[in-house]
Amino acid sequence: MWVAGLLVGQGMAQTIPPDKERVFDRKAPNVRLVDATGREFRLHDLRGKPVILSPIYTGCPSACIAITSSLRKVIPQVGVPGKDFWVLSLTFNPKERDADIRAFQRQYRIVEDG
C-alpha cells in the first residue's frame, strides 16, 4: 500500500499515508476480477509481486484522470508492470461495461500488460 500512496502522491499536491496498522499483515481476499478483454482471474493469481490498486470510474471528471495520469508518469521510473509489480485500475461503478473501460484505456493510453 505504501507504493500506491507514493505513486499517486507524485502527481498530486497532498497524499494521505496508508494506515499501516490496518493493512500490513492482512491477507487480501481472493476476489474474482475480469479484465477489459473479458478474461477472468483471481487476485491471488498475482501473488509474488506488489499490486498497485487504482480505483477509478470512467466518467470521473477529475480525480480518476489525475490518478491515472500520475501512475502513467511514475510507473516507468520504478519498474516494469507485470515484471516488477502489477497495476490494477478497477472501476467501482457497477454500471460501467467493457466498452466504457476500453474507451478509458484508449483515451488515457493504459496498456493491458502488467
PDB file of N, CA and C in Angstrom:
ATOM      1  N   MET A   1       0.819  -1.191   0.000  1.00  0.00           N
ATOM      2  CA  MET A   1       0.000   0.000   0.000  1.00  0.00           C
ATOM      3  C   MET A   1       0.866   1.259   0.000  1.00  0.00           C
ATOM      4  N   TRP A   2       2.017   1.196   0.586  1.00  0.00           N
ATOM      5  CA  TRP A   2       2.901   2.361   0.625  1.00  0.00           C
ATOM      6  C   TRP A   2       3.274   2.799  -0.780  1.00  0.00           C
ATOM      7  N   VAL A   3       3.565   1.838  -1.664  1.00  0.00           N
ATOM      8  CA  VAL A   3       3.948   2.184  -3.031  1.00  0.00           C
ATOM      9  C   VAL A   3       2.826   2.937  -3.722  1.00  0.00           C
ATOM     10  N   ALA A   4       1.592   2.499  -3.547  1.00  0.00           N
ATOM     11  CA  ALA A   4       0.467   3.180  -4.188  1.00  0.00           C
ATOM     12  C   ALA A   4       0.368   4.614  -3.702  1.00  0.00           C
ATOM     13  N   GLY A   5       0.538   4.816  -2.403  1.00  0.00           N
ATOM     14  CA  GLY A   5       0.484   6.178  -1.862  1.00  0.00           C
ATOM     15  C   GLY A   5       1.594   7.034  -2.420  1.00  0.00           C
ATOM     16  N   LEU A   6       2.762   6.474  -2.578  1.00  0.00           N
ATOM     17  CA  LEU A   6       3.894   7.205  -3.131  1.00  0.00           C
ATOM     18  C   LEU A   6       3.636   7.575  -4.584  1.00  0.00           C
ATOM     19  N   LEU A   7       3.166   6.618  -5.384  1.00  0.00           N
ATOM     20  CA  LEU A   7       2.962   6.878  -6.796  1.00  0.00           C
ATOM     21  C   LEU A   7       1.879   7.914  -7.035  1.00  0.00           C
ATOM     22  N   VAL A   8       0.789   7.800  -6.343  1.00  0.00           N
ATOM     23  CA  VAL A   8      -0.287   8.763  -6.510  1.00  0.00           C
ATOM     24  C   VAL A   8       0.179  10.124  -6.031  1.00  0.00           C
ATOM     25  N   GLY A   9       0.940  10.141  -4.963  1.00  0.00           N
ATOM     26  CA  GLY A   9       1.405  11.397  -4.392  1.00  0.00           C
ATOM     27  C   GLY A   9       2.331  12.174  -5.298  1.00  0.00           C
ATOM     28  N   GLN A  10       2.992  11.517  -6.217  1.00  0.00           N
ATOM     29  CA  GLN A  10       3.912  12.200  -7.103  1.00  0.00           C
ATOM     30  C   GLN A  10       3.206  13.223  -7.980  1.00  0.00           C
ATOM     31  N   GLY A  11       1.937  12.959  -8.308  1.00  0.00           N
ATOM     32  CA  GLY A  11       1.246  13.851  -9.220  1.00  0.00           C
ATOM     33  C   GLY A  11       0.198  14.723  -8.545  1.00  0.00           C
ATOM     34  N   MET A  12       0.087  14.618  -7.253  1.00  0.00           N
ATOM     35  CA  MET A  12      -0.931  15.371  -6.550  1.00  0.00           C
ATOM     36  C   MET A  12      -0.276  16.201  -5.447  1.00  0.00           C
ATOM     37  N   ALA A  13      -0.915  17.258  -5.048  1.00  0.00           N
ATOM     38  CA  ALA A  13      -0.342  18.172  -4.071  1.00  0.00           C
ATOM     39  C   ALA A  13      -0.259  17.573  -2.678  1.00  0.00           C
ATOM     40  N   GLN A  14      -1.158  16.681  -2.315  1.00  0.00           N
ATOM     41  CA  GLN A  14      -1.212  16.162  -0.963  1.00  0.00           C
ATOM     42  C   GLN A  14      -1.453  14.668  -1.009  1.00  0.00           C
ATOM     43  N   THR A  15      -0.823  13.925  -0.124  1.00  0.00           N
ATOM     44  CA  THR A  15      -1.061  12.487  -0.046  1.00  0.00           C
ATOM     45  C   THR A  15      -1.574  12.145   1.344  1.00  0.00           C
ATOM     46  N   ILE A  16      -2.252  11.047   1.422  1.00  0.00           N
ATOM     47  CA  ILE A  16      -2.705  10.516   2.696  1.00  0.00           C
ATOM     48  C   ILE A  16      -1.965   9.209   2.891  1.00  0.00           C
ATOM     49  N   PRO A  17      -1.086   9.128   3.887  1.00  0.00           N
ATOM     50  CA  PRO A  17      -0.329   7.889   4.074  1.00  0.00           C
ATOM     51  C   PRO A  17      -1.256   6.744   4.472  1.00  0.00           C
ATOM     52  N   PRO A  18      -0.912   5.518   4.081  1.00  0.00           N
ATOM     53  CA  PRO A  18      -1.756   4.381   4.438  1.00  0.00           C
ATOM     54  C   PRO A  18      -1.725   4.131   5.938  1.00  0.00           C
ATOM     55  N   ASP A  19      -2.781   3.579   6.456  1.00  0.00           N
ATOM     56  CA  ASP A  19      -2.861   3.185   7.853  1.00  0.00           C
ATOM     57  C   ASP A  19      -2.184   1.823   7.970  1.00  0.00           C
ATOM     58  N   LYS A  20      -0.886   1.826   8.247  1.00  0.00           N
ATOM     59  CA  LYS A  20      -0.091   0.594   8.247  1.00  0.00           C
ATOM     60  C   LYS A  20      -0.643  -0.449   9.208  1.00  0.00           C
ATOM     61  N   GLU A  21      -1.112  -0.021  10.354  1.00  0.00           N
ATOM     62  CA  GLU A  21      -1.650  -0.964  11.334  1.00  0.00           C
ATOM     63  C   GLU A  21      -2.872  -1.697  10.784  1.00  0.00           C
ATOM     64  N   ARG A  22      -3.596  -1.044   9.932  1.00  0.00           N
ATOM     65  CA  ARG A  22      -4.827  -1.621   9.392  1.00  0.00           C
ATOM     66  C   ARG A  22      -4.574  -2.537   8.201  1.00  0.00           C
ATOM     67  N   VAL A  23      -3.508  -2.301   7.432  1.00  0.00           N
ATOM     68  CA  VAL A  23      -3.316  -3.050   6.192  1.00  0.00           C
ATOM     69  C   VAL A  23      -2.164  -4.044   6.214  1.00  0.00           C
ATOM     70  N   PHE A  24      -1.120  -3.800   6.979  1.00  0.00           N
ATOM     71  CA  PHE A  24       0.016  -4.717   6.982  1.00  0.00           C
ATOM     72  C   PHE A  24      -0.364  -6.018   7.679  1.00  0.00           C
ATOM     73  N   ASP A  25       0.219  -7.102   7.211  1.00  0.00           N
ATOM     74  CA  ASP A  25      -0.011  -8.441   7.760  1.00  0.00           C
ATOM     75  C   ASP A  25      -1.452  -8.911   7.611  1.00  0.00           C
ATOM     76  N   ARG A  26      -2.167  -8.345   6.670  1.00  0.00           N
ATOM     77  CA  ARG A  26      -3.528  -8.786   6.371  1.00  0.00           C
ATOM     78  C   ARG A  26      -3.530  -9.421   4.991  1.00  0.00           C
ATOM     79  N   LYS A  27      -4.198 -10.528   4.872  1.00  0.00           N
ATOM     80  CA  LYS A  27      -4.298 -11.203   3.586  1.00  0.00           C
ATOM     81  C   LYS A  27      -5.487 -10.626   2.814  1.00  0.00           C
ATOM     82  N   ALA A  28      -5.241 -10.235   1.578  1.00  0.00           N
ATOM     83  CA  ALA A  28      -6.314  -9.716   0.726  1.00  0.00           C
ATOM     84  C   ALA A  28      -7.226 -10.875   0.308  1.00  0.00           C
ATOM     85  N   PRO A  29      -8.520 -10.626   0.210  1.00  0.00           N
ATOM     86  CA  PRO A  29      -9.422 -11.702  -0.229  1.00  0.00           C
ATOM     87  C   PRO A  29      -9.141 -12.079  -1.682  1.00  0.00           C
ATOM     88  N   ASN A  30      -9.369 -13.330  -2.002  1.00  0.00           N
ATOM     89  CA  ASN A  30      -9.118 -13.838  -3.352  1.00  0.00           C
ATOM     90  C   ASN A  30     -10.326 -13.556  -4.246  1.00  0.00           C
ATOM     91  N   VAL A  31     -10.553 -12.271  -4.501  1.00  0.00           N
ATOM     92  CA  VAL A  31     -11.723 -11.865  -5.280  1.00  0.00           C
ATOM     93  C   VAL A  31     -11.557 -12.210  -6.753  1.00  0.00           C
ATOM     94  N   ARG A  32     -12.694 -12.427  -7.418  1.00  0.00           N
ATOM     95  CA  ARG A  32     -12.710 -12.683  -8.860  1.00  0.00           C
ATOM     96  C   ARG A  32     -12.726 -11.342  -9.565  1.00  0.00           C
ATOM     97  N   LEU A  33     -11.862 -11.191 -10.551  1.00  0.00           N
ATOM     98  CA  LEU A  33     -11.764  -9.970 -11.329  1.00  0.00           C
ATOM     99  C   LEU A  33     -11.928 -10.310 -12.804  1.00  0.00           C
ATOM    100  N   VAL A  34     -12.343  -9.341 -13.583  1.00  0.00           N
ATOM    101  CA  VAL A  34     -12.496  -9.516 -15.027  1.00  0.00           C
ATOM    102  C   VAL A  34     -11.773  -8.357 -15.693  1.00  0.00           C
ATOM    103  N   ASP A  35     -10.858  -8.672 -16.613  1.00  0.00           N
ATOM    104  CA  ASP A  35     -10.138  -7.585 -17.277  1.00  0.00           C
ATOM    105  C   ASP A  35     -10.966  -7.022 -18.433  1.00  0.00           C
ATOM    106  N   ALA A  36     -10.446  -5.999 -19.082  1.00  0.00           N
ATOM    107  CA  ALA A  36     -11.184  -5.298 -20.137  1.00  0.00           C
ATOM    108  C   ALA A  36     -11.438  -6.167 -21.364  1.00  0.00           C
ATOM    109  N   THR A  37     -10.716  -7.277 -21.480  1.00  0.00           N
ATOM    110  CA  THR A  37     -10.944  -8.187 -22.607  1.00  0.00           C
ATOM    111  C   THR A  37     -11.942  -9.292 -22.252  1.00  0.00           C
ATOM    112  N   GLY A  38     -12.431  -9.281 -20.997  1.00  0.00           N
ATOM    113  CA  GLY A  38     -13.383 -10.289 -20.557  1.00  0.00           C
ATOM    114  C   GLY A  38     -12.750 -11.495 -19.893  1.00  0.00           C
ATOM    115  N   ARG A  39     -11.431 -11.507 -19.793  1.00  0.00           N
ATOM    116  CA  ARG A  39     -10.717 -12.622 -19.170  1.00  0.00           C
ATOM    117  C   ARG A  39     -10.872 -12.550 -17.647  1.00  0.00           C
ATOM    118  N   GLU A  40     -11.272 -13.661 -17.037  1.00  0.00           N
ATOM    119  CA  GLU A  40     -11.423 -13.726 -15.581  1.00  0.00           C
ATOM    120  C   GLU A  40     -10.126 -14.202 -14.934  1.00  0.00           C
ATOM    121  N   PHE A  41      -9.856 -13.670 -13.766  1.00  0.00           N
ATOM    122  CA  PHE A  41      -8.730 -14.133 -12.965  1.00  0.00           C
ATOM    123  C   PHE A  41      -9.020 -13.823 -11.509  1.00  0.00           C
ATOM    124  N   ARG A  42      -8.203 -14.338 -10.630  1.00  0.00           N
ATOM    125  CA  ARG A  42      -8.355 -14.122  -9.194  1.00  0.00           C
ATOM    126  C   ARG A  42      -7.204 -13.249  -8.704  1.00  0.00           C
ATOM    127  N   LEU A  43      -7.473 -12.448  -7.703  1.00  0.00           N
ATOM    128  CA  LEU A  43      -6.437 -11.571  -7.150  1.00  0.00           C
ATOM    129  C   LEU A  43      -5.207 -12.369  -6.739  1.00  0.00           C
ATOM    130  N   HIS A  44      -5.402 -13.547  -6.157  1.00  0.00           N
ATOM    131  CA  HIS A  44      -4.266 -14.355  -5.720  1.00  0.00           C
ATOM    132  C   HIS A  44      -3.426 -14.877  -6.880  1.00  0.00           C
ATOM    133  N   ASP A  45      -3.934 -14.802  -8.119  1.00  0.00           N
ATOM    134  CA  ASP A  45      -3.123 -15.173  -9.283  1.00  0.00           C
ATOM    135  C   ASP A  45      -1.939 -14.229  -9.444  1.00  0.00           C
ATOM    136  N   LEU A  46      -2.009 -13.075  -8.818  1.00  0.00           N
ATOM    137  CA  LEU A  46      -0.956 -12.057  -8.944  1.00  0.00           C
ATOM    138  C   LEU A  46       0.074 -12.144  -7.816  1.00  0.00           C
ATOM    139  N   ARG A  47       0.019 -13.199  -7.022  1.00  0.00           N
ATOM    140  CA  ARG A  47       0.952 -13.360  -5.900  1.00  0.00           C
ATOM    141  C   ARG A  47       2.396 -13.296  -6.360  1.00  0.00           C
ATOM    142  N   GLY A  48       3.230 -12.840  -5.448  1.00  0.00           N
ATOM    143  CA  GLY A  48       4.659 -12.834  -5.704  1.00  0.00           C
ATOM    144  C   GLY A  48       5.206 -11.472  -6.092  1.00  0.00           C
ATOM    145  N   LYS A  49       4.304 -10.542  -6.411  1.00  0.00           N
ATOM    146  CA  LYS A  49       4.721  -9.189  -6.776  1.00  0.00           C
ATOM    147  C   LYS A  49       3.790  -8.205  -6.090  1.00  0.00           C
ATOM    148  N   PRO A  50       4.279  -7.011  -5.795  1.00  0.00           N
ATOM    149  CA  PRO A  50       3.375  -5.989  -5.247  1.00  0.00           C
ATOM    150  C   PRO A  50       2.274  -5.657  -6.252  1.00  0.00           C
ATOM    151  N   VAL A  51       1.117  -5.273  -5.721  1.00  0.00           N
ATOM    152  CA  VAL A  51      -0.020  -4.891  -6.549  1.00  0.00           C
ATOM    153  C   VAL A  51      -0.410  -3.456  -6.197  1.00  0.00           C
ATOM    154  N   ILE A  52      -0.464  -2.616  -7.215  1.00  0.00           N
ATOM    155  CA  ILE A  52      -0.914  -1.233  -7.037  1.00  0.00           C
ATOM    156  C   ILE A  52      -2.360  -1.185  -7.514  1.00  0.00           C
ATOM    157  N   LEU A  53      -3.267  -0.796  -6.626  1.00  0.00           N
ATOM    158  CA  LEU A  53      -4.680  -0.682  -6.984  1.00  0.00           C
ATOM    159  C   LEU A  53      -5.017   0.767  -7.262  1.00  0.00           C
ATOM    160  N   SER A  54      -5.664   0.997  -8.391  1.00  0.00           N
ATOM    161  CA  SER A  54      -6.065   2.341  -8.790  1.00  0.00           C
ATOM    162  C   SER A  54      -7.567   2.341  -9.042  1.00  0.00           C
ATOM    163  N   PRO A  55      -8.367   2.649  -8.007  1.00  0.00           N
ATOM    164  CA  PRO A  55      -9.818   2.666  -8.217  1.00  0.00           C
ATOM    165  C   PRO A  55     -10.241   3.881  -9.039  1.00  0.00           C
ATOM    166  N   ILE A  56     -11.014   3.619 -10.073  1.00  0.00           N
ATOM    167  CA  ILE A  56     -11.465   4.685 -10.978  1.00  0.00           C
ATOM    168  C   ILE A  56     -12.907   4.428 -11.395  1.00  0.00           C
ATOM    169  N   TYR A  57     -13.517   5.385 -12.029  1.00  0.00           N
ATOM    170  CA  TYR A  57     -14.691   5.126 -12.850  1.00  0.00           C
ATOM    171  C   TYR A  57     -14.532   5.983 -14.094  1.00  0.00           C
ATOM    172  N   THR A  58     -15.002   5.471 -15.199  1.00  0.00           N
ATOM    173  CA  THR A  58     -14.662   6.072 -16.488  1.00  0.00           C
ATOM    174  C   THR A  58     -15.293   7.432 -16.719  1.00  0.00           C
ATOM    175  N   GLY A  59     -16.356   7.760 -16.015  1.00  0.00           N
ATOM    176  CA  GLY A  59     -16.987   9.066 -16.165  1.00  0.00           C
ATOM    177  C   GLY A  59     -16.494  10.093 -15.172  1.00  0.00           C
ATOM    178  N   CYS A  60     -15.489   9.755 -14.414  1.00  0.00           N
ATOM    179  CA  CYS A  60     -14.932  10.639 -13.387  1.00  0.00           C
ATOM    180  C   CYS A  60     -14.342  11.886 -14.048  1.00  0.00           C
ATOM    181  N   PRO A  61     -14.735  13.074 -13.605  1.00  0.00           N
ATOM    182  CA  PRO A  61     -14.277  14.289 -14.261  1.00  0.00           C
ATOM    183  C   PRO A  61     -12.910  14.800 -13.786  1.00  0.00           C
ATOM    184  N   SER A  62     -12.364  14.265 -12.687  1.00  0.00           N
ATOM    185  CA  SER A  62     -11.128  14.869 -12.203  1.00  0.00           C
ATOM    186  C   SER A  62     -10.166  13.891 -11.536  1.00  0.00           C
ATOM    187  N   ALA A  63     -10.487  13.414 -10.354  1.00  0.00           N
ATOM    188  CA  ALA A  63      -9.538  12.632  -9.559  1.00  0.00           C
ATOM    189  C   ALA A  63      -9.056  11.380 -10.279  1.00  0.00           C
ATOM    190  N   CYS A  64      -9.945  10.646 -10.919  1.00  0.00           N
ATOM    191  CA  CYS A  64      -9.554   9.412 -11.609  1.00  0.00           C
ATOM    192  C   CYS A  64      -8.575   9.700 -12.742  1.00  0.00           C
ATOM    193  N   ILE A  65      -8.795  10.796 -13.429  1.00  0.00           N
ATOM    194  CA  ILE A  65      -7.896  11.197 -14.516  1.00  0.00           C
ATOM    195  C   ILE A  65      -6.537  11.585 -13.950  1.00  0.00           C
ATOM    196  N   ALA A  66      -6.525  12.335 -12.854  1.00  0.00           N
ATOM    197  CA  ALA A  66      -5.263  12.747 -12.222  1.00  0.00           C
ATOM    198  C   ALA A  66      -4.489  11.537 -11.718  1.00  0.00           C
ATOM    199  N   ILE A  67      -5.185  10.588 -11.088  1.00  0.00           N
ATOM    200  CA  ILE A  67      -4.522   9.385 -10.572  1.00  0.00           C
ATOM    201  C   ILE A  67      -3.942   8.576 -11.723  1.00  0.00           C
ATOM    202  N   THR A  68      -4.719   8.371 -12.767  1.00  0.00           N
ATOM    203  CA  THR A  68      -4.262   7.593 -13.918  1.00  0.00           C
ATOM    204  C   THR A  68      -3.072   8.274 -14.595  1.00  0.00           C
ATOM    205  N   SER A  69      -3.134   9.576 -14.765  1.00  0.00           N
ATOM    206  CA  SER A  69      -2.025  10.315 -15.387  1.00  0.00           C
ATOM    207  C   SER A  69      -0.771  10.238 -14.519  1.00  0.00           C
ATOM    208  N   SER A  70      -0.930  10.347 -13.214  1.00  0.00           N
ATOM    209  CA  SER A  70       0.211  10.250 -12.297  1.00  0.00           C
ATOM    210  C   SER A  70       0.856   8.881 -12.383  1.00  0.00           C
ATOM    211  N   LEU A  71       0.044   7.842 -12.394  1.00  0.00           N
ATOM    212  CA  LEU A  71       0.583   6.484 -12.496  1.00  0.00           C
ATOM    213  C   LEU A  71       1.350   6.299 -13.796  1.00  0.00           C
ATOM    214  N   ARG A  72       0.793   6.780 -14.900  1.00  0.00           N
ATOM    215  CA  ARG A  72       1.477   6.641 -16.195  1.00  0.00           C
ATOM    216  C   ARG A  72       2.836   7.322 -16.191  1.00  0.00           C
ATOM    217  N   LYS A  73       2.964   8.447 -15.503  1.00  0.00           N
ATOM    218  CA  LYS A  73       4.233   9.174 -15.456  1.00  0.00           C
ATOM    219  C   LYS A  73       5.249   8.511 -14.533  1.00  0.00           C
ATOM    220  N   VAL A  74       4.795   7.999 -13.414  1.00  0.00           N
ATOM    221  CA  VAL A  74       5.706   7.499 -12.380  1.00  0.00           C
ATOM    222  C   VAL A  74       6.106   6.047 -12.585  1.00  0.00           C
ATOM    223  N   ILE A  75       5.208   5.233 -13.076  1.00  0.00           N
ATOM    224  CA  ILE A  75       5.484   3.798 -13.188  1.00  0.00           C
ATOM    225  C   ILE A  75       6.786   3.487 -13.933  1.00  0.00           C
ATOM    226  N   PRO A  76       7.081   4.101 -15.063  1.00  0.00           N
ATOM    227  CA  PRO A  76       8.350   3.780 -15.743  1.00  0.00           C
ATOM    228  C   PRO A  76       9.591   4.092 -14.899  1.00  0.00           C
ATOM    229  N   GLN A  77       9.445   4.957 -13.926  1.00  0.00           N
ATOM    230  CA  GLN A  77      10.576   5.319 -13.075  1.00  0.00           C
ATOM    231  C   GLN A  77      10.856   4.280 -11.984  1.00  0.00           C
ATOM    232  N   VAL A  78       9.869   3.419 -11.697  1.00  0.00           N
ATOM    233  CA  VAL A  78      10.044   2.468 -10.594  1.00  0.00           C
ATOM    234  C   VAL A  78      10.131   1.016 -11.037  1.00  0.00           C
ATOM    235  N   GLY A  79       9.851   0.735 -12.292  1.00  0.00           N
ATOM    236  CA  GLY A  79       9.945  -0.640 -12.757  1.00  0.00           C
ATOM    237  C   GLY A  79       9.049  -0.906 -13.943  1.00  0.00           C
ATOM    238  N   VAL A  80       8.892  -2.203 -14.215  1.00  0.00           N
ATOM    239  CA  VAL A  80       8.109  -2.652 -15.362  1.00  0.00           C
ATOM    240  C   VAL A  80       6.873  -3.390 -14.868  1.00  0.00           C
ATOM    241  N   PRO A  81       5.670  -2.864 -15.185  1.00  0.00           N
ATOM    242  CA  PRO A  81       4.454  -3.567 -14.789  1.00  0.00           C
ATOM    243  C   PRO A  81       4.413  -4.974 -15.380  1.00  0.00           C
ATOM    244  N   GLY A  82       3.996  -5.927 -14.571  1.00  0.00           N
ATOM    245  CA  GLY A  82       3.958  -7.318 -14.999  1.00  0.00           C
ATOM    246  C   GLY A  82       5.238  -8.058 -14.677  1.00  0.00           C
ATOM    247  N   LYS A  83       6.331  -7.341 -14.620  1.00  0.00           N
ATOM    248  CA  LYS A  83       7.624  -7.951 -14.271  1.00  0.00           C
ATOM    249  C   LYS A  83       7.969  -7.649 -12.813  1.00  0.00           C
ATOM    250  N   ASP A  84       7.930  -6.377 -12.438  1.00  0.00           N
ATOM    251  CA  ASP A  84       8.322  -5.968 -11.091  1.00  0.00           C
ATOM    252  C   ASP A  84       7.129  -5.818 -10.146  1.00  0.00           C
ATOM    253  N   PHE A  85       5.968  -5.548 -10.693  1.00  0.00           N
ATOM    254  CA  PHE A  85       4.748  -5.340  -9.919  1.00  0.00           C
ATOM    255  C   PHE A  85       3.557  -5.390 -10.861  1.00  0.00           C
ATOM    256  N   TRP A  86       2.358  -5.404 -10.298  1.00  0.00           N
ATOM    257  CA  TRP A  86       1.122  -5.345 -11.070  1.00  0.00           C
ATOM    258  C   TRP A  86       0.434  -4.019 -10.801  1.00  0.00           C
ATOM    259  N   VAL A  87      -0.260  -3.512 -11.782  1.00  0.00           N
ATOM    260  CA  VAL A  87      -1.078  -2.314 -11.610  1.00  0.00           C
ATOM    261  C   VAL A  87      -2.501  -2.677 -12.044  1.00  0.00           C
ATOM    262  N   LEU A  88      -3.441  -2.510 -11.132  1.00  0.00           N
ATOM    263  CA  LEU A  88      -4.841  -2.775 -11.455  1.00  0.00           C
ATOM    264  C   LEU A  88      -5.631  -1.484 -11.349  1.00  0.00           C
ATOM    265  N   SER A  89      -6.118  -1.006 -12.467  1.00  0.00           N
ATOM    266  CA  SER A  89      -7.081   0.094 -12.463  1.00  0.00           C
ATOM    267  C   SER A  89      -8.436  -0.576 -12.523  1.00  0.00           C
ATOM    268  N   LEU A  90      -9.235  -0.373 -11.500  1.00  0.00           N
ATOM    269  CA  LEU A  90     -10.518  -1.049 -11.461  1.00  0.00           C
ATOM    270  C   LEU A  90     -11.638  -0.067 -11.207  1.00  0.00           C
ATOM    271  N   THR A  91     -12.730  -0.306 -11.893  1.00  0.00           N
ATOM    272  CA  THR A  91     -13.874   0.576 -11.749  1.00  0.00           C
ATOM    273  C   THR A  91     -14.679   0.200 -10.514  1.00  0.00           C
ATOM    274  N   PHE A  92     -15.212   1.204  -9.866  1.00  0.00           N
ATOM    275  CA  PHE A  92     -16.107   0.944  -8.737  1.00  0.00           C
ATOM    276  C   PHE A  92     -17.537   1.335  -9.100  1.00  0.00           C
ATOM    277  N   ASN A  93     -17.772   1.542 -10.402  1.00  0.00           N
ATOM    278  CA  ASN A  93     -19.109   1.859 -10.890  1.00  0.00           C
ATOM    279  C   ASN A  93     -19.703   0.605 -11.523  1.00  0.00           C
ATOM    280  N   PRO A  94     -20.691  -0.026 -10.881  1.00  0.00           N
ATOM    281  CA  PRO A  94     -21.233  -1.277 -11.407  1.00  0.00           C
ATOM    282  C   PRO A  94     -21.977  -1.123 -12.734  1.00  0.00           C
ATOM    283  N   LYS A  95     -22.273   0.098 -13.148  1.00  0.00           N
ATOM    284  CA  LYS A  95     -22.985   0.313 -14.413  1.00  0.00           C
ATOM    285  C   LYS A  95     -22.042   0.369 -15.607  1.00  0.00           C
ATOM    286  N   GLU A  96     -20.740   0.485 -15.372  1.00  0.00           N
ATOM    287  CA  GLU A  96     -19.795   0.554 -16.484  1.00  0.00           C
ATOM    288  C   GLU A  96     -19.634  -0.811 -17.129  1.00  0.00           C
ATOM    289  N   ARG A  97     -19.449  -0.787 -18.409  1.00  0.00           N
ATOM    290  CA  ARG A  97     -19.310  -2.019 -19.195  1.00  0.00           C
ATOM    291  C   ARG A  97     -17.934  -2.053 -19.847  1.00  0.00           C
ATOM    292  N   ASP A  98     -17.640  -3.190 -20.471  1.00  0.00           N
ATOM    293  CA  ASP A  98     -16.343  -3.388 -21.124  1.00  0.00           C
ATOM    294  C   ASP A  98     -16.021  -2.265 -22.095  1.00  0.00           C
ATOM    295  N   ALA A  99     -16.999  -1.816 -22.869  1.00  0.00           N
ATOM    296  CA  ALA A  99     -16.763  -0.761 -23.860  1.00  0.00           C
ATOM    297  C   ALA A  99     -16.344   0.539 -23.180  1.00  0.00           C
ATOM    298  N   ASP A 100     -16.927   0.852 -22.026  1.00  0.00           N
ATOM    299  CA  ASP A 100     -16.554   2.061 -21.284  1.00  0.00           C
ATOM    300  C   ASP A 100     -15.094   1.982 -20.824  1.00  0.00           C
ATOM    301  N   ILE A 101     -14.723   0.821 -20.336  1.00  0.00           N
ATOM    302  CA  ILE A 101     -13.362   0.641 -19.826  1.00  0.00           C
ATOM    303  C   ILE A 101     -12.351   0.683 -20.975  1.00  0.00           C
ATOM    304  N   ARG A 102     -12.669   0.029 -22.085  1.00  0.00           N
ATOM    305  CA  ARG A 102     -11.757   0.064 -23.234  1.00  0.00           C
ATOM    306  C   ARG A 102     -11.589   1.493 -23.754  1.00  0.00           C
ATOM    307  N   ALA A 103     -12.663   2.271 -23.775  1.00  0.00           N
ATOM    308  CA  ALA A 103     -12.570   3.669 -24.219  1.00  0.00           C
ATOM    309  C   ALA A 103     -11.678   4.471 -23.266  1.00  0.00           C
ATOM    310  N   PHE A 104     -11.803   4.242 -21.962  1.00  0.00           N
ATOM    311  CA  PHE A 104     -10.951   4.922 -20.975  1.00  0.00           C
ATOM    312  C   PHE A 104      -9.489   4.534 -21.194  1.00  0.00           C
ATOM    313  N   GLN A 105      -9.252   3.247 -21.440  1.00  0.00           N
ATOM    314  CA  GLN A 105      -7.893   2.775 -21.716  1.00  0.00           C
ATOM    315  C   GLN A 105      -7.297   3.480 -22.927  1.00  0.00           C
ATOM    316  N   ARG A 106      -8.059   3.561 -23.990  1.00  0.00           N
ATOM    317  CA  ARG A 106      -7.561   4.229 -25.206  1.00  0.00           C
ATOM    318  C   ARG A 106      -7.291   5.710 -24.944  1.00  0.00           C
ATOM    319  N   GLN A 107      -8.242   6.377 -24.314  1.00  0.00           N
ATOM    320  CA  GLN A 107      -8.113   7.814 -24.095  1.00  0.00           C
ATOM    321  C   GLN A 107      -6.902   8.156 -23.230  1.00  0.00           C
ATOM    322  N   TYR A 108      -6.634   7.353 -22.202  1.00  0.00           N
ATOM    323  CA  TYR A 108      -5.534   7.665 -21.287  1.00  0.00           C
ATOM    324  C   TYR A 108      -4.330   6.757 -21.480  1.00  0.00           C
ATOM    325  N   ARG A 109      -4.311   6.072 -22.629  1.00  0.00           N
ATOM    326  CA  ARG A 109      -3.171   5.230 -23.047  1.00  0.00           C
ATOM    327  C   ARG A 109      -2.713   4.271 -21.943  1.00  0.00           C
ATOM    328  N   ILE A 110      -3.659   3.483 -21.462  1.00  0.00           N
ATOM    329  CA  ILE A 110      -3.372   2.470 -20.455  1.00  0.00           C
ATOM    330  C   ILE A 110      -3.142   1.162 -21.188  1.00  0.00           C
ATOM    331  N   VAL A 111      -1.982   0.575 -20.997  1.00  0.00           N
ATOM    332  CA  VAL A 111      -1.690  -0.716 -21.625  1.00  0.00           C
ATOM    333  C   VAL A 111      -2.252  -1.832 -20.766  1.00  0.00           C
ATOM    334  N   GLU A 112      -2.554  -2.947 -21.391  1.00  0.00           N
ATOM    335  CA  GLU A 112      -3.152  -4.063 -20.654  1.00  0.00           C
ATOM    336  C   GLU A 112      -2.119  -4.952 -19.991  1.00  0.00           C
ATOM    337  N   ASP A 113      -0.935  -5.079 -20.529  1.00  0.00           N
ATOM    338  CA  ASP A 113       0.064  -5.974 -19.954  1.00  0.00           C
ATOM    339  C   ASP A 113       0.608  -5.395 -18.654  1.00  0.00           C
ATOM    340  N   GLY A 114       0.517  -6.196 -17.617  1.00  0.00           N
ATOM    341  CA  GLY A 114       1.092  -5.795 -16.326  1.00  0.00           C
ATOM    342  C   GLY A 114       0.211  -4.900 -15.518  1.00  0.00           C
TER     343      GLY A 114
END
